[in-house]
Amino acid sequence: MTAIELPDGEYTAVVDNVEDGLATVFFERDGEEVGNAVLDASRLPSDGQHADAILSVTLSDGRIESASYKPQQTEDRKAAAQDRFDRLSKRPPSDEEA
């Protein structure tokens, strides 16, 4: 686990997974992924130490200065992903059905 190599500032963090006390986290800014890091899960809010958790974080000198779990954003993103999956999993109509 090394310093988070991103400029100081505020980011949206998405927890990819938590395993053996380590969390893989992707950082986004303005809707674009800008980096990732493997962190000690204890550095994250306790309610946000699970896969797909959305956090608001402030980075300073390669460290998380503050972090807060965003349960509504987590649920909204989960619902949007499920909706995309459902739409993509529907079989297009056959030529006979169209």
PDB file of N, CA and C in Angstrom:
ATOM      1  N   MET A   1       0.852  -1.174   0.000  1.00  0.00           N
ATOM      2  CA  MET A   1       0.000   0.000   0.000  1.00  0.00           C
ATOM      3  C   MET A   1       0.893   1.229   0.000  1.00  0.00           C
ATOM      4  N   THR A   2       0.727   2.000  -1.020  1.00  0.00           N
ATOM      5  CA  THR A   2       1.532   3.203  -1.151  1.00  0.00           C
ATOM      6  C   THR A   2       0.611   4.415  -1.107  1.00  0.00           C
ATOM      7  N   ALA A   3       1.227   5.560  -1.221  1.00  0.00           N
ATOM      8  CA  ALA A   3       0.448   6.795  -1.249  1.00  0.00           C
ATOM      9  C   ALA A   3      -0.455   6.790  -2.484  1.00  0.00           C
ATOM     10  N   ILE A   4      -1.563   7.477  -2.362  1.00  0.00           N
ATOM     11  CA  ILE A   4      -2.488   7.613  -3.489  1.00  0.00           C
ATOM     12  C   ILE A   4      -1.918   8.695  -4.401  1.00  0.00           C
ATOM     13  N   GLU A   5      -1.593   8.313  -5.608  1.00  0.00           N
ATOM     14  CA  GLU A   5      -0.904   9.227  -6.500  1.00  0.00           C
ATOM     15  C   GLU A   5      -1.886  10.038  -7.344  1.00  0.00           C
ATOM     16  N   LEU A   6      -2.592  10.929  -6.660  1.00  0.00           N
ATOM     17  CA  LEU A   6      -3.528  11.842  -7.308  1.00  0.00           C
ATOM     18  C   LEU A   6      -3.339  13.214  -6.693  1.00  0.00           C
ATOM     19  N   PRO A   7      -3.661  14.263  -7.440  1.00  0.00           N
ATOM     20  CA  PRO A   7      -3.562  15.613  -6.878  1.00  0.00           C
ATOM     21  C   PRO A   7      -4.509  15.777  -5.688  1.00  0.00           C
ATOM     22  N   ASP A   8      -4.132  16.651  -4.777  1.00  0.00           N
ATOM     23  CA  ASP A   8      -4.998  16.966  -3.654  1.00  0.00           C
ATOM     24  C   ASP A   8      -6.342  17.441  -4.161  1.00  0.00           C
ATOM     25  N   GLY A   9      -7.400  17.119  -3.426  1.00  0.00           N
ATOM     26  CA  GLY A   9      -8.723  17.593  -3.800  1.00  0.00           C
ATOM     27  C   GLY A   9      -9.802  16.602  -3.444  1.00  0.00           C
ATOM     28  N   GLU A  10     -11.002  16.895  -3.926  1.00  0.00           N
ATOM     29  CA  GLU A  10     -12.162  16.056  -3.635  1.00  0.00           C
ATOM     30  C   GLU A  10     -12.432  15.111  -4.795  1.00  0.00           C
ATOM     31  N   TYR A  11     -12.797  13.882  -4.439  1.00  0.00           N
ATOM     32  CA  TYR A  11     -13.048  12.820  -5.412  1.00  0.00           C
ATOM     33  C   TYR A  11     -14.257  12.004  -4.979  1.00  0.00           C
ATOM     34  N   THR A  12     -14.827  11.320  -5.951  1.00  0.00           N
ATOM     35  CA  THR A  12     -15.771  10.252  -5.666  1.00  0.00           C
ATOM     36  C   THR A  12     -14.943   8.975  -5.693  1.00  0.00           C
ATOM     37  N   ALA A  13     -15.092   8.165  -4.671  1.00  0.00           N
ATOM     38  CA  ALA A  13     -14.366   6.896  -4.604  1.00  0.00           C
ATOM     39  C   ALA A  13     -15.374   5.763  -4.662  1.00  0.00           C
ATOM     40  N   VAL A  14     -15.039   4.746  -5.449  1.00  0.00           N
ATOM     41  CA  VAL A  14     -15.889   3.563  -5.586  1.00  0.00           C
ATOM     42  C   VAL A  14     -15.082   2.369  -5.097  1.00  0.00           C
ATOM     43  N   VAL A  15     -15.612   1.697  -4.081  1.00  0.00           N
ATOM     44  CA  VAL A  15     -14.936   0.517  -3.539  1.00  0.00           C
ATOM     45  C   VAL A  15     -15.223  -0.653  -4.479  1.00  0.00           C
ATOM     46  N   ASP A  16     -14.171  -1.191  -5.077  1.00  0.00           N
ATOM     47  CA  ASP A  16     -14.333  -2.316  -5.992  1.00  0.00           C
ATOM     48  C   ASP A  16     -14.521  -3.605  -5.199  1.00  0.00           C
ATOM     49  N   ASN A  17     -13.647  -3.824  -4.226  1.00  0.00           N
ATOM     50  CA  ASN A  17     -13.788  -5.003  -3.369  1.00  0.00           C
ATOM     51  C   ASN A  17     -13.005  -4.803  -2.088  1.00  0.00           C
ATOM     52  N   VAL A  18     -13.340  -5.614  -1.106  1.00  0.00           N
ATOM     53  CA  VAL A  18     -12.627  -5.632   0.168  1.00  0.00           C
ATOM     54  C   VAL A  18     -12.322  -7.090   0.467  1.00  0.00           C
ATOM     55  N   GLU A  19     -11.041  -7.373   0.658  1.00  0.00           N
ATOM     56  CA  GLU A  19     -10.621  -8.745   0.895  1.00  0.00           C
ATOM     57  C   GLU A  19      -9.397  -8.746   1.800  1.00  0.00           C
ATOM     58  N   ASP A  20      -9.442  -9.561   2.829  1.00  0.00           N
ATOM     59  CA  ASP A  20      -8.327  -9.683   3.766  1.00  0.00           C
ATOM     60  C   ASP A  20      -7.893  -8.335   4.338  1.00  0.00           C
ATOM     61  N   GLY A  21      -8.865  -7.459   4.601  1.00  0.00           N
ATOM     62  CA  GLY A  21      -8.569  -6.163   5.201  1.00  0.00           C
ATOM     63  C   GLY A  21      -8.070  -5.105   4.244  1.00  0.00           C
ATOM     64  N   LEU A  22      -8.009  -5.441   2.956  1.00  0.00           N
ATOM     65  CA  LEU A  22      -7.563  -4.479   1.947  1.00  0.00           C
ATOM     66  C   LEU A  22      -8.719  -4.133   1.017  1.00  0.00           C
ATOM     67  N   ALA A  23      -8.822  -2.856   0.674  1.00  0.00           N
ATOM     68  CA  ALA A  23      -9.872  -2.387  -0.226  1.00  0.00           C
ATOM     69  C   ALA A  23      -9.246  -1.871  -1.517  1.00  0.00           C
ATOM     70  N   THR A  24      -9.774  -2.319  -2.640  1.00  0.00           N
ATOM     71  CA  THR A  24      -9.387  -1.762  -3.932  1.00  0.00           C
ATOM     72  C   THR A  24     -10.395  -0.670  -4.235  1.00  0.00           C
ATOM     73  N   VAL A  25      -9.884   0.550  -4.433  1.00  0.00           N
ATOM     74  CA  VAL A  25     -10.742   1.720  -4.586  1.00  0.00           C
ATOM     75  C   VAL A  25     -10.393   2.440  -5.883  1.00  0.00           C
ATOM     76  N   PHE A  26     -11.428   2.793  -6.654  1.00  0.00           N
ATOM     77  CA  PHE A  26     -11.263   3.587  -7.863  1.00  0.00           C
ATOM     78  C   PHE A  26     -11.708   5.004  -7.563  1.00  0.00           C
ATOM     79  N   PHE A  27     -10.939   5.973  -8.039  1.00  0.00           N
ATOM     80  CA  PHE A  27     -11.238   7.376  -7.794  1.00  0.00           C
ATOM     81  C   PHE A  27     -11.744   8.017  -9.076  1.00  0.00           C
ATOM     82  N   GLU A  28     -12.799   8.809  -8.931  1.00  0.00           N
ATOM     83  CA  GLU A  28     -13.407   9.504 -10.069  1.00  0.00           C
ATOM     84  C   GLU A  28     -13.452  10.996  -9.793  1.00  0.00           C
ATOM     85  N   ARG A  29     -13.384  11.754 -10.866  1.00  0.00           N
ATOM     86  CA  ARG A  29     -13.581  13.196 -10.794  1.00  0.00           C
ATOM     87  C   ARG A  29     -14.342  13.588 -12.051  1.00  0.00           C
ATOM     88  N   ASP A  30     -15.414  14.329 -11.874  1.00  0.00           N
ATOM     89  CA  ASP A  30     -16.267  14.750 -12.989  1.00  0.00           C
ATOM     90  C   ASP A  30     -16.750  13.566 -13.823  1.00  0.00           C
ATOM     91  N   GLY A  31     -17.061  12.448 -13.142  1.00  0.00           N
ATOM     92  CA  GLY A  31     -17.602  11.280 -13.815  1.00  0.00           C
ATOM     93  C   GLY A  31     -16.590  10.422 -14.544  1.00  0.00           C
ATOM     94  N   GLU A  32     -15.320  10.782 -14.468  1.00  0.00           N
ATOM     95  CA  GLU A  32     -14.268  10.027 -15.157  1.00  0.00           C
ATOM     96  C   GLU A  32     -13.343   9.378 -14.139  1.00  0.00           C
ATOM     97  N   GLU A  33     -12.984   8.112 -14.378  1.00  0.00           N
ATOM     98  CA  GLU A  33     -12.026   7.450 -13.503  1.00  0.00           C
ATOM     99  C   GLU A  33     -10.654   8.086 -13.698  1.00  0.00           C
ATOM    100  N   VAL A  34     -10.002   8.439 -12.577  1.00  0.00           N
ATOM    101  CA  VAL A  34      -8.710   9.111 -12.658  1.00  0.00           C
ATOM    102  C   VAL A  34      -7.583   8.347 -11.967  1.00  0.00           C
ATOM    103  N   GLY A  35      -7.919   7.271 -11.271  1.00  0.00           N
ATOM    104  CA  GLY A  35      -6.879   6.496 -10.608  1.00  0.00           C
ATOM    105  C   GLY A  35      -7.475   5.456  -9.681  1.00  0.00           C
ATOM    106  N   ASN A  36      -6.591   4.655  -9.102  1.00  0.00           N
ATOM    107  CA  ASN A  36      -7.038   3.638  -8.149  1.00  0.00           C
ATOM    108  C   ASN A  36      -5.933   3.365  -7.153  1.00  0.00           C
ATOM    109  N   ALA A  37      -6.310   2.693  -6.082  1.00  0.00           N
ATOM    110  CA  ALA A  37      -5.337   2.361  -5.044  1.00  0.00           C
ATOM    111  C   ALA A  37      -5.854   1.174  -4.250  1.00  0.00           C
ATOM    112  N   VAL A  38      -4.922   0.460  -3.637  1.00  0.00           N
ATOM    113  CA  VAL A  38      -5.259  -0.600  -2.682  1.00  0.00           C
ATOM    114  C   VAL A  38      -4.935  -0.016  -1.309  1.00  0.00           C
ATOM    115  N   LEU A  39      -5.958   0.036  -0.457  1.00  0.00           N
ATOM    116  CA  LEU A  39      -5.834   0.686   0.845  1.00  0.00           C
ATOM    117  C   LEU A  39      -6.206  -0.262   1.972  1.00  0.00           C
ATOM    118  N   ASP A  40      -5.706   0.027   3.139  1.00  0.00           N
ATOM    119  CA  ASP A  40      -6.164  -0.668   4.327  1.00  0.00           C
ATOM    120  C   ASP A  40      -7.629  -0.284   4.492  1.00  0.00           C
ATOM    121  N   ALA A  41      -8.522  -1.253   4.537  1.00  0.00           N
ATOM    122  CA  ALA A  41      -9.960  -0.977   4.596  1.00  0.00           C
ATOM    123  C   ALA A  41     -10.332  -0.121   5.801  1.00  0.00           C
ATOM    124  N   SER A  42      -9.553  -0.179   6.855  1.00  0.00           N
ATOM    125  CA  SER A  42      -9.861   0.615   8.046  1.00  0.00           C
ATOM    126  C   SER A  42      -9.733   2.110   7.796  1.00  0.00           C
ATOM    127  N   ARG A  43      -9.129   2.505   6.684  1.00  0.00           N
ATOM    128  CA  ARG A  43      -9.030   3.928   6.336  1.00  0.00           C
ATOM    129  C   ARG A  43     -10.344   4.465   5.768  1.00  0.00           C
ATOM    130  N   LEU A  44     -11.284   3.559   5.496  1.00  0.00           N
ATOM    131  CA  LEU A  44     -12.589   3.948   4.938  1.00  0.00           C
ATOM    132  C   LEU A  44     -13.625   3.982   6.052  1.00  0.00           C
ATOM    133  N   PRO A  45     -14.706   4.747   5.853  1.00  0.00           N
ATOM    134  CA  PRO A  45     -15.783   4.721   6.851  1.00  0.00           C
ATOM    135  C   PRO A  45     -16.302   3.293   7.011  1.00  0.00           C
ATOM    136  N   SER A  46     -16.631   2.900   8.235  1.00  0.00           N
ATOM    137  CA  SER A  46     -17.034   1.516   8.491  1.00  0.00           C
ATOM    138  C   SER A  46     -18.236   1.098   7.660  1.00  0.00           C
ATOM    139  N   ASP A  47     -19.199   2.009   7.443  1.00  0.00           N
ATOM    140  CA  ASP A  47     -20.379   1.651   6.654  1.00  0.00           C
ATOM    141  C   ASP A  47     -20.098   1.626   5.153  1.00  0.00           C
ATOM    142  N   GLY A  48     -18.919   2.046   4.748  1.00  0.00           N
ATOM    143  CA  GLY A  48     -18.547   2.034   3.333  1.00  0.00           C
ATOM    144  C   GLY A  48     -17.462   1.028   3.011  1.00  0.00           C
ATOM    145  N   GLN A  49     -17.275   0.051   3.874  1.00  0.00           N
ATOM    146  CA  GLN A  49     -16.234  -0.958   3.655  1.00  0.00           C
ATOM    147  C   GLN A  49     -16.808  -2.188   2.979  1.00  0.00           C
ATOM    148  N   HIS A  50     -17.472  -1.975   1.843  1.00  0.00           N
ATOM    149  CA  HIS A  50     -18.034  -3.099   1.086  1.00  0.00           C
ATOM    150  C   HIS A  50     -17.976  -2.775  -0.402  1.00  0.00           C
ATOM    151  N   ALA A  51     -18.025  -3.822  -1.198  1.00  0.00           N
ATOM    152  CA  ALA A  51     -17.974  -3.658  -2.654  1.00  0.00           C
ATOM    153  C   ALA A  51     -19.101  -2.745  -3.127  1.00  0.00           C
ATOM    154  N   ASP A  52     -18.784  -1.888  -4.070  1.00  0.00           N
ATOM    155  CA  ASP A  52     -19.705  -0.960  -4.721  1.00  0.00           C
ATOM    156  C   ASP A  52     -20.108   0.228  -3.858  1.00  0.00           C
ATOM    157  N   ALA A  53     -19.519   0.385  -2.681  1.00  0.00           N
ATOM    158  CA  ALA A  53     -19.807   1.554  -1.850  1.00  0.00           C
ATOM    159  C   ALA A  53     -19.286   2.808  -2.552  1.00  0.00           C
ATOM    160  N   ILE A  54     -20.067   3.868  -2.496  1.00  0.00           N
ATOM    161  CA  ILE A  54     -19.668   5.163  -3.047  1.00  0.00           C
ATOM    162  C   ILE A  54     -19.303   6.058  -1.869  1.00  0.00           C
ATOM    163  N   LEU A  55     -18.132   6.687  -1.979  1.00  0.00           N
ATOM    164  CA  LEU A  55     -17.643   7.566  -0.931  1.00  0.00           C
ATOM    165  C   LEU A  55     -17.294   8.928  -1.516  1.00  0.00           C
ATOM    166  N   SER A  56     -17.400   9.927  -0.707  1.00  0.00           N
ATOM    167  CA  SER A  56     -16.878  11.245  -1.045  1.00  0.00           C
ATOM    168  C   SER A  56     -15.596  11.385  -0.240  1.00  0.00           C
ATOM    169  N   VAL A  57     -14.461  11.605  -0.916  1.00  0.00           N
ATOM    170  CA  VAL A  57     -13.181  11.671  -0.212  1.00  0.00           C
ATOM    171  C   VAL A  57     -12.431  12.948  -0.557  1.00  0.00           C
ATOM    172  N   THR A  58     -11.644  13.366   0.392  1.00  0.00           N
ATOM    173  CA  THR A  58     -10.715  14.472   0.177  1.00  0.00           C
ATOM    174  C   THR A  58      -9.319  13.912   0.362  1.00  0.00           C
ATOM    175  N   LEU A  59      -8.482  14.097  -0.672  1.00  0.00           N
ATOM    176  CA  LEU A  59      -7.100  13.628  -0.620  1.00  0.00           C
ATOM    177  C   LEU A  59      -6.169  14.793  -0.333  1.00  0.00           C
ATOM    178  N   SER A  60      -5.146  14.512   0.464  1.00  0.00           N
ATOM    179  CA  SER A  60      -4.121  15.502   0.773  1.00  0.00           C
ATOM    180  C   SER A  60      -2.795  14.773   0.958  1.00  0.00           C
ATOM    181  N   ASP A  61      -1.807  15.180   0.206  1.00  0.00           N
ATOM    182  CA  ASP A  61      -0.477  14.565   0.293  1.00  0.00           C
ATOM    183  C   ASP A  61      -0.509  13.049   0.142  1.00  0.00           C
ATOM    184  N   GLY A  62      -1.336  12.549  -0.779  1.00  0.00           N
ATOM    185  CA  GLY A  62      -1.390  11.119  -1.061  1.00  0.00           C
ATOM    186  C   GLY A  62      -2.142  10.297  -0.035  1.00  0.00           C
ATOM    187  N   ARG A  63      -2.883  10.963   0.851  1.00  0.00           N
ATOM    188  CA  ARG A  63      -3.631  10.256   1.889  1.00  0.00           C
ATOM    189  C   ARG A  63      -5.088  10.719   1.873  1.00  0.00           C
ATOM    190  N   ILE A  64      -5.959   9.869   2.414  1.00  0.00           N
ATOM    191  CA  ILE A  64      -7.352  10.263   2.574  1.00  0.00           C
ATOM    192  C   ILE A  64      -7.439  11.149   3.808  1.00  0.00           C
ATOM    193  N   GLU A  65      -7.767  12.400   3.585  1.00  0.00           N
ATOM    194  CA  GLU A  65      -7.906  13.368   4.674  1.00  0.00           C
ATOM    195  C   GLU A  65      -9.272  13.203   5.348  1.00  0.00           C
ATOM    196  N   SER A  66     -10.307  13.003   4.522  1.00  0.00           N
ATOM    197  CA  SER A  66     -11.652  12.759   5.044  1.00  0.00           C
ATOM    198  C   SER A  66     -12.399  11.892   4.040  1.00  0.00           C
ATOM    199  N   ALA A  67     -13.358  11.136   4.560  1.00  0.00           N
ATOM    200  CA  ALA A  67     -14.165  10.267   3.703  1.00  0.00           C
ATOM    201  C   ALA A  67     -15.533  10.086   4.330  1.00  0.00           C
ATOM    202  N   SER A  68     -16.559  10.115   3.497  1.00  0.00           N
ATOM    203  CA  SER A  68     -17.906   9.856   4.001  1.00  0.00           C
ATOM    204  C   SER A  68     -18.630   8.946   3.016  1.00  0.00           C
ATOM    205  N   TYR A  69     -19.379   8.028   3.584  1.00  0.00           N
ATOM    206  CA  TYR A  69     -20.161   7.065   2.810  1.00  0.00           C
ATOM    207  C   TYR A  69     -21.412   7.756   2.276  1.00  0.00           C
ATOM    208  N   LYS A  70     -21.757   7.478   1.028  1.00  0.00           N
ATOM    209  CA  LYS A  70     -22.919   8.065   0.365  1.00  0.00           C
ATOM    210  C   LYS A  70     -23.919   6.956   0.042  1.00  0.00           C
ATOM    211  N   PRO A  71     -24.778   6.593   1.008  1.00  0.00           N
ATOM    212  CA  PRO A  71     -25.687   5.459   0.785  1.00  0.00           C
ATOM    213  C   PRO A  71     -26.665   5.680  -0.367  1.00  0.00           C
ATOM    214  N   GLN A  72     -27.178   6.878  -0.543  1.00  0.00           N
ATOM    215  CA  GLN A  72     -28.139   7.116  -1.634  1.00  0.00           C
ATOM    216  C   GLN A  72     -27.458   6.995  -2.996  1.00  0.00           C
ATOM    217  N   GLN A  73     -26.254   7.550  -3.124  1.00  0.00           N
ATOM    218  CA  GLN A  73     -25.519   7.419  -4.389  1.00  0.00           C
ATOM    219  C   GLN A  73     -25.164   5.964  -4.654  1.00  0.00           C
ATOM    220  N   THR A  74     -24.847   5.217  -3.590  1.00  0.00           N
ATOM    221  CA  THR A  74     -24.541   3.796  -3.736  1.00  0.00           C
ATOM    222  C   THR A  74     -25.751   3.051  -4.290  1.00  0.00           C
ATOM    223  N   GLU A  75     -26.932   3.306  -3.712  1.00  0.00           N
ATOM    224  CA  GLU A  75     -28.159   2.648  -4.174  1.00  0.00           C
ATOM    225  C   GLU A  75     -28.526   3.090  -5.591  1.00  0.00           C
ATOM    226  N   ASP A  76     -28.380   4.377  -5.893  1.00  0.00           N
ATOM    227  CA  ASP A  76     -28.710   4.883  -7.229  1.00  0.00           C
ATOM    228  C   ASP A  76     -27.824   4.243  -8.295  1.00  0.00           C
ATOM    229  N   ARG A  77     -26.526   4.125  -8.007  1.00  0.00           N
ATOM    230  CA  ARG A  77     -25.607   3.532  -8.984  1.00  0.00           C
ATOM    231  C   ARG A  77     -25.895   2.048  -9.159  1.00  0.00           C
ATOM    232  N   LYS A  78     -26.218   1.378  -8.047  1.00  0.00           N
ATOM    233  CA  LYS A  78     -26.553  -0.043  -8.109  1.00  0.00           C
ATOM    234  C   LYS A  78     -27.803  -0.258  -8.962  1.00  0.00           C
ATOM    235  N   ALA A  79     -28.830   0.583  -8.757  1.00  0.00           N
ATOM    236  CA  ALA A  79     -30.075   0.467  -9.528  1.00  0.00           C
ATOM    237  C   ALA A  79     -29.825   0.743 -11.007  1.00  0.00           C
ATOM    238  N   ALA A  80     -29.000   1.735 -11.309  1.00  0.00           N
ATOM    239  CA  ALA A  80     -28.703   2.061 -12.708  1.00  0.00           C
ATOM    240  C   ALA A  80     -27.955   0.908 -13.382  1.00  0.00           C
ATOM    241  N   ALA A  81     -27.025   0.303 -12.659  1.00  0.00           N
ATOM    242  CA  ALA A  81     -26.278  -0.831 -13.220  1.00  0.00           C
ATOM    243  C   ALA A  81     -27.208  -2.012 -13.460  1.00  0.00           C
ATOM    244  N   GLN A  82     -28.108  -2.275 -12.527  1.00  0.00           N
ATOM    245  CA  GLN A  82     -29.063  -3.372 -12.691  1.00  0.00           C
ATOM    246  C   GLN A  82     -29.980  -3.112 -13.877  1.00  0.00           C
ATOM    247  N   ASP A  83     -30.411  -1.868 -14.043  1.00  0.00           N
ATOM    248  CA  ASP A  83     -31.269  -1.508 -15.169  1.00  0.00           C
ATOM    249  C   ASP A  83     -30.547  -1.733 -16.501  1.00  0.00           C
ATOM    250  N   ARG A  84     -29.267  -1.316 -16.565  1.00  0.00           N
ATOM    251  CA  ARG A  84     -28.484  -1.541 -17.794  1.00  0.00           C
ATOM    252  C   ARG A  84     -28.358  -3.029 -18.069  1.00  0.00           C
ATOM    253  N   PHE A  85     -28.066  -3.808 -17.019  1.00  0.00           N
ATOM    254  CA  PHE A  85     -27.935  -5.255 -17.176  1.00  0.00           C
ATOM    255  C   PHE A  85     -29.246  -5.849 -17.690  1.00  0.00           C
ATOM    256  N   ASP A  86     -30.357  -5.449 -17.088  1.00  0.00           N
ATOM    257  CA  ASP A  86     -31.661  -5.979 -17.493  1.00  0.00           C
ATOM    258  C   ASP A  86     -31.958  -5.658 -18.952  1.00  0.00           C
ATOM    259  N   ARG A  87     -31.667  -4.427 -19.367  1.00  0.00           N
ATOM    260  CA  ARG A  87     -31.921  -4.047 -20.762  1.00  0.00           C
ATOM    261  C   ARG A  87     -31.037  -4.832 -21.719  1.00  0.00           C
ATOM    262  N   LEU A  88     -29.766  -5.012 -21.348  1.00  0.00           N
ATOM    263  CA  LEU A  88     -28.842  -5.729 -22.225  1.00  0.00           C
ATOM    264  C   LEU A  88     -29.123  -7.226 -22.275  1.00  0.00           C
ATOM    265  N   SER A  89     -29.711  -7.758 -21.215  1.00  0.00           N
ATOM    266  CA  SER A  89     -29.948  -9.201 -21.170  1.00  0.00           C
ATOM    267  C   SER A  89     -31.212  -9.614 -21.923  1.00  0.00           C
ATOM    268  N   LYS A  90     -32.035  -8.639 -22.313  1.00  0.00           N
ATOM    269  CA  LYS A  90     -33.246  -8.981 -23.058  1.00  0.00           C
ATOM    270  C   LYS A  90     -32.856  -9.349 -24.483  1.00  0.00           C
ATOM    271  N   ARG A  91     -33.404 -10.428 -24.905  1.00  0.00           N
ATOM    272  CA  ARG A  91     -33.128 -10.920 -26.249  1.00  0.00           C
ATOM    273  C   ARG A  91     -33.859 -10.038 -27.255  1.00  0.00           C
ATOM    274  N   PRO A  92     -33.164  -9.589 -28.299  1.00  0.00           N
ATOM    275  CA  PRO A  92     -33.880  -8.801 -29.311  1.00  0.00           C
ATOM    276  C   PRO A  92     -34.908  -9.673 -30.013  1.00  0.00           C
ATOM    277  N   PRO A  93     -35.974  -9.086 -30.498  1.00  0.00           N
ATOM    278  CA  PRO A  93     -37.011  -9.893 -31.177  1.00  0.00           C
ATOM    279  C   PRO A  93     -36.435 -10.559 -32.421  1.00  0.00           C
ATOM    280  N   SER A  94     -36.895 -11.770 -32.655  1.00  0.00           N
ATOM    281  CA  SER A  94     -36.459 -12.470 -33.861  1.00  0.00           C
ATOM    282  C   SER A  94     -37.151 -11.819 -35.065  1.00  0.00           C
ATOM    283  N   ASP A  95     -36.728 -12.171 -36.244  1.00  0.00           N
ATOM    284  CA  ASP A  95     -37.349 -11.636 -37.455  1.00  0.00           C
ATOM    285  C   ASP A  95     -38.836 -11.982 -37.523  1.00  0.00           C
ATOM    286  N   GLU A  96     -39.183 -13.150 -36.979  1.00  0.00           N
ATOM    287  CA  GLU A  96     -40.590 -13.563 -36.992  1.00  0.00           C
ATOM    288  C   GLU A  96     -41.432 -12.747 -36.014  1.00  0.00           C
ATOM    289  N   GLU A  97     -40.819 -12.309 -34.886  1.00  0.00           N
ATOM    290  CA  GLU A  97     -41.529 -11.542 -33.866  1.00  0.00           C
ATOM    291  C   GLU A  97     -41.636 -10.060 -34.223  1.00  0.00           C
ATOM    292  N   ALA A  98     -40.732  -9.578 -35.047  1.00  0.00           N
ATOM    293  CA  ALA A  98     -40.678  -8.135 -35.356  1.00  0.00           C
ATOM    294  C   ALA A  98     -41.765  -7.725 -36.316  1.00  0.00           C
TER     295      ALA A  98
END
